[in-house]
Amino acid sequence: MDEATGLSLAKRIISQEAATLEDLIEELDGVFWECAQRIAECSRMVWTTGVGTSAAVAERFAHLLNCCGRRAMFLHASDSLHGHSGALREEDLLIAMSRGGETWEVNQLVAIANQLGVSTMGFVHDTDSTLALSCQVVLPIRSRQEYELQGVLATTSTVAFCAMCDALAAVVWELRGYSLEEFRRTHPGGAVGRRLLTEEREA
């Protein structure tokens, strides 16, 4: 591959991801709003789960929610089948992520959560999948299979899932009335923490 071909490929990949995000914008509806409200109003713990690249997105989303004043933890679907599901409690909320919705470990965890009286929410492309049919609320996050790397490696769908999580985090922040003062107390580290601390001292 020469430079021109490589750049052309890179531009095509990024263009596909941009087009997918544009489609997501058009598809946002009342289901998104319901998900944001349920996350913001959950009286106990919000759990996120997935495997593979979905696990990376789920763990990131739990971090974002904590930064928005919404207590959250990542629960690895595989570990949950070896005892970690014992952490789930009634009135918790479990957000399960899977593009295809047929990941066995994720679906087993959702089944356990349903038995325990935990609210379940599925982030999934295939709304006819086992995951979608098992969850109480389903948020479609659609992306074309041919846009994935070589058609098999989650790339564009990962971008789509992350974007949806970012949008939810923004709405949850506002719904909870979270403030920068509250954020500062739990995020004193890094460049962001230093900047907020400096601003507080100068105020």
C-alpha atoms as a PDB file:
ATOM      1  CA  MET A   1       0.000   0.000   0.000  1.00  0.00           C
ATOM      2  CA  ASP A   2       1.295   3.464  -0.872  1.00  0.00           C
ATOM      3  CA  GLU A   3       0.624   6.701   1.006  1.00  0.00           C
ATOM      4  CA  ALA A   4      -2.225   7.834  -1.231  1.00  0.00           C
ATOM      5  CA  THR A   5      -4.054   4.528  -0.871  1.00  0.00           C
ATOM      6  CA  GLY A   6      -3.542   4.528   2.888  1.00  0.00           C
ATOM      7  CA  LEU A   7      -4.906   8.051   3.251  1.00  0.00           C
ATOM      8  CA  SER A   8      -7.866   7.189   1.051  1.00  0.00           C
ATOM      9  CA  LEU A   9      -8.685   4.197   3.247  1.00  0.00           C
ATOM     10  CA  ALA A  10      -8.356   6.255   6.425  1.00  0.00           C
ATOM     11  CA  LYS A  11     -10.685   8.934   5.054  1.00  0.00           C
ATOM     12  CA  ARG A  12     -13.256   6.300   4.077  1.00  0.00           C
ATOM     13  CA  ILE A  13     -13.232   4.781   7.576  1.00  0.00           C
ATOM     14  CA  ILE A  14     -13.670   8.157   9.271  1.00  0.00           C
ATOM     15  CA  SER A  15     -16.383   9.134   6.770  1.00  0.00           C
ATOM     16  CA  GLN A  16     -18.284   5.941   7.553  1.00  0.00           C
ATOM     17  CA  GLU A  17     -18.128   6.697  11.248  1.00  0.00           C
ATOM     18  CA  ALA A  18     -19.276  10.278  10.694  1.00  0.00           C
ATOM     19  CA  ALA A  19     -22.206   9.057   8.592  1.00  0.00           C
ATOM     20  CA  THR A  20     -23.174   6.607  11.332  1.00  0.00           C
ATOM     21  CA  LEU A  21     -23.226   9.394  13.911  1.00  0.00           C
ATOM     22  CA  GLU A  22     -25.412  11.508  11.636  1.00  0.00           C
ATOM     23  CA  ASP A  23     -27.863   8.609  11.420  1.00  0.00           C
ATOM     24  CA  LEU A  24     -27.895   8.315  15.219  1.00  0.00           C
ATOM     25  CA  ILE A  25     -28.863  11.959  15.522  1.00  0.00           C
ATOM     26  CA  GLU A  26     -31.858  11.422  13.254  1.00  0.00           C
ATOM     27  CA  GLU A  27     -32.984   8.336  15.198  1.00  0.00           C
ATOM     28  CA  LEU A  28     -32.980   9.883  18.684  1.00  0.00           C
ATOM     29  CA  ASP A  29     -36.468   9.745  20.164  1.00  0.00           C
ATOM     30  CA  GLY A  30     -38.449   9.160  23.334  1.00  0.00           C
ATOM     31  CA  VAL A  31     -36.618   5.926  24.113  1.00  0.00           C
ATOM     32  CA  PHE A  32     -33.401   7.899  24.578  1.00  0.00           C
ATOM     33  CA  TRP A  33     -35.217  10.269  26.925  1.00  0.00           C
ATOM     34  CA  GLU A  34     -36.655   7.353  28.916  1.00  0.00           C
ATOM     35  CA  CYS A  35     -33.188   5.832  29.276  1.00  0.00           C
ATOM     36  CA  ALA A  36     -31.719   9.128  30.464  1.00  0.00           C
ATOM     37  CA  GLN A  37     -34.489   9.547  33.031  1.00  0.00           C
ATOM     38  CA  ARG A  38     -34.156   5.993  34.324  1.00  0.00           C
ATOM     39  CA  ILE A  39     -30.400   6.375  34.725  1.00  0.00           C
ATOM     40  CA  ALA A  40     -30.731   9.736  36.471  1.00  0.00           C
ATOM     41  CA  GLU A  41     -33.528   8.590  38.784  1.00  0.00           C
ATOM     42  CA  CYS A  42     -32.209   5.130  39.726  1.00  0.00           C
ATOM     43  CA  SER A  43     -32.402   4.932  43.516  1.00  0.00           C
ATOM     44  CA  ARG A  44     -29.463   2.541  43.877  1.00  0.00           C
ATOM     45  CA  MET A  45     -26.459   1.496  41.780  1.00  0.00           C
ATOM     46  CA  VAL A  46     -26.199   1.706  38.003  1.00  0.00           C
ATOM     47  CA  TRP A  47     -24.197  -1.216  36.620  1.00  0.00           C
ATOM     48  CA  THR A  48     -22.783  -1.426  33.089  1.00  0.00           C
ATOM     49  CA  THR A  49     -21.656  -4.605  31.382  1.00  0.00           C
ATOM     50  CA  GLY A  50     -20.357  -6.101  28.155  1.00  0.00           C
ATOM     51  CA  VAL A  51     -17.497  -8.154  26.761  1.00  0.00           C
ATOM     52  CA  GLY A  52     -14.790  -7.321  24.243  1.00  0.00           C
ATOM     53  CA  THR A  53     -15.018  -3.805  22.842  1.00  0.00           C
ATOM     54  CA  SER A  54     -18.473  -3.452  24.420  1.00  0.00           C
ATOM     55  CA  ALA A  55     -16.839  -3.968  27.819  1.00  0.00           C
ATOM     56  CA  ALA A  56     -14.447  -1.105  27.103  1.00  0.00           C
ATOM     57  CA  VAL A  57     -17.389   1.164  26.225  1.00  0.00           C
ATOM     58  CA  ALA A  58     -19.360   0.000  29.274  1.00  0.00           C
ATOM     59  CA  GLU A  59     -16.456   0.650  31.627  1.00  0.00           C
ATOM     60  CA  ARG A  60     -15.965   4.102  30.133  1.00  0.00           C
ATOM     61  CA  PHE A  61     -19.681   4.857  30.541  1.00  0.00           C
ATOM     62  CA  ALA A  62     -19.590   3.894  34.222  1.00  0.00           C
ATOM     63  CA  HIS A  63     -16.697   6.323  34.663  1.00  0.00           C
ATOM     64  CA  LEU A  64     -18.603   9.113  32.908  1.00  0.00           C
ATOM     65  CA  LEU A  65     -21.683   8.536  35.049  1.00  0.00           C
ATOM     66  CA  ASN A  66     -19.633   8.752  38.236  1.00  0.00           C
ATOM     67  CA  CYS A  67     -18.205  12.035  36.987  1.00  0.00           C
ATOM     68  CA  CYS A  68     -21.786  13.245  36.450  1.00  0.00           C
ATOM     69  CA  GLY A  69     -22.853  12.496  40.018  1.00  0.00           C
ATOM     70  CA  ARG A  70     -24.565   9.214  39.167  1.00  0.00           C
ATOM     71  CA  ARG A  71     -23.113   6.295  41.146  1.00  0.00           C
ATOM     72  CA  ALA A  72     -22.093   3.565  38.695  1.00  0.00           C
ATOM     73  CA  MET A  73     -19.880   0.484  38.450  1.00  0.00           C
ATOM     74  CA  PHE A  74     -18.692  -1.725  35.611  1.00  0.00           C
ATOM     75  CA  LEU A  75     -19.496  -5.429  36.070  1.00  0.00           C
ATOM     76  CA  HIS A  76     -17.687  -7.750  33.672  1.00  0.00           C
ATOM     77  CA  ALA A  77     -20.187 -10.186  32.214  1.00  0.00           C
ATOM     78  CA  SER A  78     -17.798 -13.154  32.362  1.00  0.00           C
ATOM     79  CA  ASP A  79     -16.839 -12.556  35.997  1.00  0.00           C
ATOM     80  CA  SER A  80     -20.492 -12.071  36.880  1.00  0.00           C
ATOM     81  CA  LEU A  81     -21.129 -15.736  36.067  1.00  0.00           C
ATOM     82  CA  HIS A  82     -18.517 -16.712  38.629  1.00  0.00           C
ATOM     83  CA  GLY A  83     -20.077 -14.959  41.604  1.00  0.00           C
ATOM     84  CA  HIS A  84     -19.821 -11.234  40.912  1.00  0.00           C
ATOM     85  CA  SER A  85     -23.508 -11.065  40.033  1.00  0.00           C
ATOM     86  CA  GLY A  86     -24.035 -11.392  43.787  1.00  0.00           C
ATOM     87  CA  ALA A  87     -23.360  -7.654  43.966  1.00  0.00           C
ATOM     88  CA  LEU A  88     -26.665  -6.913  42.204  1.00  0.00           C
ATOM     89  CA  ARG A  89     -29.581  -5.754  44.332  1.00  0.00           C
ATOM     90  CA  GLU A  90     -33.238  -5.065  43.708  1.00  0.00           C
ATOM     91  CA  GLU A  91     -33.798  -1.503  42.436  1.00  0.00           C
ATOM     92  CA  ASP A  92     -30.338  -1.436  40.835  1.00  0.00           C
ATOM     93  CA  LEU A  93     -30.137  -0.742  37.094  1.00  0.00           C
ATOM     94  CA  LEU A  94     -28.090  -2.935  34.752  1.00  0.00           C
ATOM     95  CA  ILE A  95     -27.114  -1.509  31.357  1.00  0.00           C
ATOM     96  CA  ALA A  96     -26.017  -4.318  29.036  1.00  0.00           C
ATOM     97  CA  MET A  97     -24.166  -3.522  25.808  1.00  0.00           C
ATOM     98  CA  SER A  98     -23.784  -5.769  22.780  1.00  0.00           C
ATOM     99  CA  ARG A  99     -23.977  -4.867  19.107  1.00  0.00           C
ATOM    100  CA  GLY A 100     -25.424  -8.185  17.996  1.00  0.00           C
ATOM    101  CA  GLY A 101     -27.253  -8.941  21.224  1.00  0.00           C
ATOM    102  CA  GLU A 102     -26.272 -12.599  21.227  1.00  0.00           C
ATOM    103  CA  THR A 103     -23.259 -12.562  23.547  1.00  0.00           C
ATOM    104  CA  TRP A 104     -23.905 -15.514  25.850  1.00  0.00           C
ATOM    105  CA  GLU A 105     -22.282 -14.105  28.987  1.00  0.00           C
ATOM    106  CA  VAL A 106     -24.120 -10.799  28.693  1.00  0.00           C
ATOM    107  CA  ASN A 107     -27.461 -12.494  28.160  1.00  0.00           C
ATOM    108  CA  GLN A 108     -26.886 -14.813  31.120  1.00  0.00           C
ATOM    109  CA  LEU A 109     -26.137 -11.834  33.349  1.00  0.00           C
ATOM    110  CA  VAL A 110     -29.309 -10.075  32.192  1.00  0.00           C
ATOM    111  CA  ALA A 111     -31.298 -13.216  33.000  1.00  0.00           C
ATOM    112  CA  ILE A 112     -29.840 -13.246  36.517  1.00  0.00           C
ATOM    113  CA  ALA A 113     -30.576  -9.544  36.939  1.00  0.00           C
ATOM    114  CA  ASN A 114     -34.182 -10.029  35.865  1.00  0.00           C
ATOM    115  CA  GLN A 115     -34.581 -12.820  38.424  1.00  0.00           C
ATOM    116  CA  LEU A 116     -33.208 -10.556  41.152  1.00  0.00           C
ATOM    117  CA  GLY A 117     -35.620  -7.731  40.392  1.00  0.00           C
ATOM    118  CA  VAL A 118     -32.955  -5.508  38.841  1.00  0.00           C
ATOM    119  CA  SER A 119     -34.072  -3.096  36.110  1.00  0.00           C
ATOM    120  CA  THR A 120     -32.438  -4.032  32.813  1.00  0.00           C
ATOM    121  CA  MET A 121     -31.579  -1.813  29.851  1.00  0.00           C
ATOM    122  CA  GLY A 122     -30.060  -3.008  26.581  1.00  0.00           C
ATOM    123  CA  PHE A 123     -27.888  -0.979  24.232  1.00  0.00           C
ATOM    124  CA  VAL A 124     -27.966  -3.005  21.014  1.00  0.00           C
ATOM    125  CA  HIS A 125     -28.029  -2.822  17.220  1.00  0.00           C
ATOM    126  CA  ASP A 126     -30.296  -5.822  16.651  1.00  0.00           C
ATOM    127  CA  THR A 127     -33.631  -5.127  18.320  1.00  0.00           C
ATOM    128  CA  ASP A 128     -34.811  -8.678  17.568  1.00  0.00           C
ATOM    129  CA  SER A 129     -31.881 -10.223  19.442  1.00  0.00           C
ATOM    130  CA  THR A 130     -31.946 -12.217  22.666  1.00  0.00           C
ATOM    131  CA  LEU A 131     -30.571  -9.236  24.593  1.00  0.00           C
ATOM    132  CA  ALA A 132     -33.214  -6.865  23.254  1.00  0.00           C
ATOM    133  CA  LEU A 133     -36.015  -9.306  24.027  1.00  0.00           C
ATOM    134  CA  SER A 134     -34.666  -9.875  27.556  1.00  0.00           C
ATOM    135  CA  CYS A 135     -34.315  -6.248  28.652  1.00  0.00           C
ATOM    136  CA  GLN A 136     -37.100  -4.062  29.978  1.00  0.00           C
ATOM    137  CA  VAL A 137     -35.913  -1.039  27.975  1.00  0.00           C
ATOM    138  CA  VAL A 138     -33.986  -1.210  24.706  1.00  0.00           C
ATOM    139  CA  LEU A 139     -32.005   1.663  23.193  1.00  0.00           C
ATOM    140  CA  PRO A 140     -31.188   0.928  19.538  1.00  0.00           C
ATOM    141  CA  ILE A 141     -27.669   1.966  18.519  1.00  0.00           C
ATOM    142  CA  ARG A 142     -27.443   0.991  14.880  1.00  0.00           C
ATOM    143  CA  SER A 143     -24.398   0.753  12.623  1.00  0.00           C
ATOM    144  CA  ARG A 144     -23.761  -1.056   9.356  1.00  0.00           C
ATOM    145  CA  GLN A 145     -21.838  -4.330   9.566  1.00  0.00           C
ATOM    146  CA  GLU A 146     -19.856  -3.446   6.448  1.00  0.00           C
ATOM    147  CA  TYR A 147     -18.550  -0.340   8.241  1.00  0.00           C
ATOM    148  CA  GLU A 148     -16.731  -2.469  10.817  1.00  0.00           C
ATOM    149  CA  LEU A 149     -13.026  -3.119  10.222  1.00  0.00           C
ATOM    150  CA  GLN A 150     -12.915  -5.852   7.560  1.00  0.00           C
ATOM    151  CA  GLY A 151     -16.595  -6.366   8.396  1.00  0.00           C
ATOM    152  CA  VAL A 152     -15.742  -8.236  11.605  1.00  0.00           C
ATOM    153  CA  LEU A 153     -13.939  -5.997  14.123  1.00  0.00           C
ATOM    154  CA  ALA A 154     -16.081  -3.532  16.094  1.00  0.00           C
ATOM    155  CA  THR A 155     -14.901  -0.053  15.185  1.00  0.00           C
ATOM    156  CA  THR A 156     -17.728   2.066  13.819  1.00  0.00           C
ATOM    157  CA  SER A 157     -20.203   0.479  16.232  1.00  0.00           C
ATOM    158  CA  THR A 158     -17.845   1.299  19.106  1.00  0.00           C
ATOM    159  CA  VAL A 159     -17.815   4.944  18.046  1.00  0.00           C
ATOM    160  CA  ALA A 160     -21.627   4.891  17.851  1.00  0.00           C
ATOM    161  CA  PHE A 161     -21.996   3.323  21.304  1.00  0.00           C
ATOM    162  CA  CYS A 162     -19.554   5.817  22.820  1.00  0.00           C
ATOM    163  CA  ALA A 163     -21.380   8.752  21.230  1.00  0.00           C
ATOM    164  CA  MET A 164     -24.719   7.562  22.610  1.00  0.00           C
ATOM    165  CA  CYS A 165     -23.178   7.164  26.067  1.00  0.00           C
ATOM    166  CA  ASP A 166     -21.722  10.672  25.835  1.00  0.00           C
ATOM    167  CA  ALA A 167     -25.143  12.072  24.961  1.00  0.00           C
ATOM    168  CA  LEU A 168     -26.751  10.211  27.855  1.00  0.00           C
ATOM    169  CA  ALA A 169     -24.082  11.428  30.276  1.00  0.00           C
ATOM    170  CA  ALA A 170     -24.721  15.030  29.233  1.00  0.00           C
ATOM    171  CA  VAL A 171     -28.471  14.715  29.806  1.00  0.00           C
ATOM    172  CA  VAL A 172     -28.027  12.821  33.092  1.00  0.00           C
ATOM    173  CA  TRP A 173     -25.686  15.577  34.362  1.00  0.00           C
ATOM    174  CA  GLU A 174     -28.396  18.165  33.738  1.00  0.00           C
ATOM    175  CA  LEU A 175     -31.253  16.016  35.048  1.00  0.00           C
ATOM    176  CA  ARG A 176     -29.418  15.518  38.326  1.00  0.00           C
ATOM    177  CA  GLY A 177     -28.572  19.207  38.605  1.00  0.00           C
ATOM    178  CA  TYR A 178     -24.923  18.323  39.125  1.00  0.00           C
ATOM    179  CA  SER A 179     -22.576  21.270  39.609  1.00  0.00           C
ATOM    180  CA  LEU A 180     -18.907  21.925  38.897  1.00  0.00           C
ATOM    181  CA  GLU A 181     -18.441  22.444  42.638  1.00  0.00           C
ATOM    182  CA  GLU A 182     -19.614  18.887  43.268  1.00  0.00           C
ATOM    183  CA  PHE A 183     -17.511  17.621  40.376  1.00  0.00           C
ATOM    184  CA  ARG A 184     -14.424  19.340  41.807  1.00  0.00           C
ATOM    185  CA  ARG A 185     -14.682  17.401  45.082  1.00  0.00           C
ATOM    186  CA  THR A 186     -14.426  14.024  43.363  1.00  0.00           C
ATOM    187  CA  HIS A 187     -12.078  15.010  40.518  1.00  0.00           C
ATOM    188  CA  PRO A 188      -9.110  16.825  42.080  1.00  0.00           C
ATOM    189  CA  GLY A 189      -6.553  14.996  39.952  1.00  0.00           C
ATOM    190  CA  GLY A 190      -5.059  15.697  36.547  1.00  0.00           C
ATOM    191  CA  ALA A 191      -5.117  18.869  34.473  1.00  0.00           C
ATOM    192  CA  VAL A 192      -8.889  19.239  34.907  1.00  0.00           C
ATOM    193  CA  GLY A 193      -8.615  18.994  38.692  1.00  0.00           C
ATOM    194  CA  ARG A 194      -5.773  21.497  38.816  1.00  0.00           C
ATOM    195  CA  ARG A 195      -7.677  23.960  36.632  1.00  0.00           C
ATOM    196  CA  LEU A 196     -10.834  23.746  38.743  1.00  0.00           C
ATOM    197  CA  LEU A 197      -8.817  24.104  41.945  1.00  0.00           C
ATOM    198  CA  THR A 198      -7.066  27.191  40.572  1.00  0.00           C
ATOM    199  CA  GLU A 199     -10.395  28.690  39.529  1.00  0.00           C
ATOM    200  CA  GLU A 200     -11.796  28.037  43.018  1.00  0.00           C
ATOM    201  CA  ARG A 201      -8.863  29.764  44.690  1.00  0.00           C
ATOM    202  CA  GLU A 202      -9.123  32.758  42.367  1.00  0.00           C
ATOM    203  CA  ALA A 203     -12.895  33.105  42.832  1.00  0.00           C
END
